[in-house]
Amino acid sequence: LSADASGALKFNKKVLSTKSGAVTIDMKNPSSVPHAIAVEGNGVDKDGETVMKGGKSSITVDLKPGKYTFYCSVPGHKEAGMSGTLTVN
């Protein structure tokens, strides 16, 4: 997963899928705008570290089957559309 390199408040993907269990999401930040990765849903709410250009934000969470939202936890970014759906099978 990667933040948009142009600085737009979006990821390079809107949909992710994985198997249940321990899941690690890595987000690269090629943008000059700070970003972070976070996931919420089904009782899970975890935020990764906010990183600057060239950094990588990562989280590892134990996920059960279902739908989750992944998003940027920098204030205002999720509201601007920097989010997507993670489906866990």
C-alpha atoms as a PDB file:
ATOM      1  CA  LEU A   1       0.000   0.000   0.000  1.00  0.00           C
ATOM      2  CA  SER A   2       1.235   3.483  -0.768  1.00  0.00           C
ATOM      3  CA  ALA A   3       0.132   7.064  -0.238  1.00  0.00           C
ATOM      4  CA  ASP A   4      -0.356   9.101  -3.418  1.00  0.00           C
ATOM      5  CA  ALA A   5       3.028  10.496  -4.515  1.00  0.00           C
ATOM      6  CA  SER A   6       1.531  13.777  -5.775  1.00  0.00           C
ATOM      7  CA  GLY A   7       0.321  14.722  -2.292  1.00  0.00           C
ATOM      8  CA  ALA A   8      -3.354  13.989  -2.970  1.00  0.00           C
ATOM      9  CA  LEU A   9      -5.174  12.610   0.085  1.00  0.00           C
ATOM     10  CA  LYS A  10      -5.621   9.068  -1.220  1.00  0.00           C
ATOM     11  CA  PHE A  11      -3.972   5.656  -1.305  1.00  0.00           C
ATOM     12  CA  ASN A  12      -2.910   3.792  -4.444  1.00  0.00           C
ATOM     13  CA  LYS A  13      -5.591   1.158  -3.641  1.00  0.00           C
ATOM     14  CA  LYS A  14      -9.167   1.448  -2.325  1.00  0.00           C
ATOM     15  CA  VAL A  15      -9.685  -2.289  -1.758  1.00  0.00           C
ATOM     16  CA  LEU A  16      -7.481  -4.850   0.015  1.00  0.00           C
ATOM     17  CA  SER A  17      -8.147  -8.481   0.967  1.00  0.00           C
ATOM     18  CA  THR A  18      -6.385 -11.012   3.156  1.00  0.00           C
ATOM     19  CA  LYS A  19      -6.875 -14.160   5.224  1.00  0.00           C
ATOM     20  CA  SER A  20      -7.856 -13.984   8.905  1.00  0.00           C
ATOM     21  CA  GLY A  21      -5.243 -14.060  11.657  1.00  0.00           C
ATOM     22  CA  ALA A  22      -2.254 -11.807  12.252  1.00  0.00           C
ATOM     23  CA  VAL A  23      -2.256  -9.231   9.444  1.00  0.00           C
ATOM     24  CA  THR A  24       0.460  -6.647   8.820  1.00  0.00           C
ATOM     25  CA  ILE A  25      -0.300  -3.613   6.677  1.00  0.00           C
ATOM     26  CA  ASP A  26       2.677  -1.592   5.430  1.00  0.00           C
ATOM     27  CA  MET A  27       2.108   1.827   3.864  1.00  0.00           C
ATOM     28  CA  LYS A  28       4.914   3.638   2.049  1.00  0.00           C
ATOM     29  CA  ASN A  29       4.823   7.437   1.957  1.00  0.00           C
ATOM     30  CA  PRO A  30       6.380   8.911  -1.216  1.00  0.00           C
ATOM     31  CA  SER A  31       4.505  12.193  -0.612  1.00  0.00           C
ATOM     32  CA  SER A  32       5.734  15.407   1.023  1.00  0.00           C
ATOM     33  CA  VAL A  33       2.565  15.272   3.180  1.00  0.00           C
ATOM     34  CA  PRO A  34       2.731  13.259   6.446  1.00  0.00           C
ATOM     35  CA  HIS A  35       0.614  10.079   6.481  1.00  0.00           C
ATOM     36  CA  ALA A  36      -0.100   7.038   8.667  1.00  0.00           C
ATOM     37  CA  ILE A  37      -1.929   3.737   8.300  1.00  0.00           C
ATOM     38  CA  ALA A  38      -4.770   2.703  10.592  1.00  0.00           C
ATOM     39  CA  VAL A  39      -7.489   0.044  10.588  1.00  0.00           C
ATOM     40  CA  GLU A  40     -10.855  -0.118  12.332  1.00  0.00           C
ATOM     41  CA  GLY A  41     -13.904  -2.363  12.436  1.00  0.00           C
ATOM     42  CA  ASN A  42     -15.227  -5.417  14.300  1.00  0.00           C
ATOM     43  CA  GLY A  43     -13.823  -4.168  17.602  1.00  0.00           C
ATOM     44  CA  VAL A  44     -10.394  -3.343  16.140  1.00  0.00           C
ATOM     45  CA  ASP A  45      -9.016   0.212  16.165  1.00  0.00           C
ATOM     46  CA  LYS A  46      -5.258   0.524  15.669  1.00  0.00           C
ATOM     47  CA  ASP A  47      -3.153   3.408  14.380  1.00  0.00           C
ATOM     48  CA  GLY A  48       0.358   3.214  12.977  1.00  0.00           C
ATOM     49  CA  GLU A  49       3.101   5.801  13.272  1.00  0.00           C
ATOM     50  CA  THR A  50       2.800   9.021  11.244  1.00  0.00           C
ATOM     51  CA  VAL A  51       5.672   9.178   8.748  1.00  0.00           C
ATOM     52  CA  MET A  52       7.126  11.819   6.467  1.00  0.00           C
ATOM     53  CA  LYS A  53       8.310  11.448   2.846  1.00  0.00           C
ATOM     54  CA  GLY A  54      10.288   8.231   2.351  1.00  0.00           C
ATOM     55  CA  GLY A  55       8.942   6.661   5.546  1.00  0.00           C
ATOM     56  CA  LYS A  56       6.858   3.546   6.112  1.00  0.00           C
ATOM     57  CA  SER A  57       3.956   3.217   8.550  1.00  0.00           C
ATOM     58  CA  SER A  58       3.077  -0.336   9.649  1.00  0.00           C
ATOM     59  CA  ILE A  59       0.516  -2.008  11.872  1.00  0.00           C
ATOM     60  CA  THR A  60      -0.045  -5.640  12.801  1.00  0.00           C
ATOM     61  CA  VAL A  61      -3.503  -6.675  13.988  1.00  0.00           C
ATOM     62  CA  ASP A  62      -5.306  -9.947  14.638  1.00  0.00           C
ATOM     63  CA  LEU A  63      -8.314  -9.879  12.304  1.00  0.00           C
ATOM     64  CA  LYS A  64     -11.367 -12.101  12.146  1.00  0.00           C
ATOM     65  CA  PRO A  65     -13.330 -12.591   8.912  1.00  0.00           C
ATOM     66  CA  GLY A  66     -15.332  -9.512   7.938  1.00  0.00           C
ATOM     67  CA  LYS A  67     -14.991  -6.007   6.521  1.00  0.00           C
ATOM     68  CA  TYR A  68     -12.683  -3.356   7.966  1.00  0.00           C
ATOM     69  CA  THR A  69     -11.785   0.199   7.033  1.00  0.00           C
ATOM     70  CA  PHE A  70      -8.160   1.140   6.468  1.00  0.00           C
ATOM     71  CA  TYR A  71      -7.393   4.840   6.523  1.00  0.00           C
ATOM     72  CA  CYS A  72      -4.872   7.582   7.180  1.00  0.00           C
ATOM     73  CA  SER A  73      -5.087   8.638  10.832  1.00  0.00           C
ATOM     74  CA  VAL A  74      -3.598  12.108  10.260  1.00  0.00           C
ATOM     75  CA  PRO A  75      -6.406  14.549  11.253  1.00  0.00           C
ATOM     76  CA  GLY A  76      -8.632  15.401   8.283  1.00  0.00           C
ATOM     77  CA  HIS A  77      -7.178  12.854   5.858  1.00  0.00           C
ATOM     78  CA  LYS A  78      -9.793  10.104   6.378  1.00  0.00           C
ATOM     79  CA  GLU A  79     -12.551  12.711   6.086  1.00  0.00           C
ATOM     80  CA  ALA A  80     -11.005  13.891   2.796  1.00  0.00           C
ATOM     81  CA  GLY A  81     -11.315  10.372   1.381  1.00  0.00           C
ATOM     82  CA  MET A  82      -8.031   8.723   2.328  1.00  0.00           C
ATOM     83  CA  SER A  83      -9.569   5.368   3.201  1.00  0.00           C
ATOM     84  CA  GLY A  84     -10.521   2.017   1.749  1.00  0.00           C
ATOM     85  CA  THR A  85     -12.055  -1.353   2.512  1.00  0.00           C
ATOM     86  CA  LEU A  86     -10.141  -4.376   3.813  1.00  0.00           C
ATOM     87  CA  THR A  87     -11.969  -7.690   3.380  1.00  0.00           C
ATOM     88  CA  VAL A  88     -10.793 -10.541   5.623  1.00  0.00           C
ATOM     89  CA  ASN A  89     -11.715 -14.123   4.659  1.00  0.00           C
END
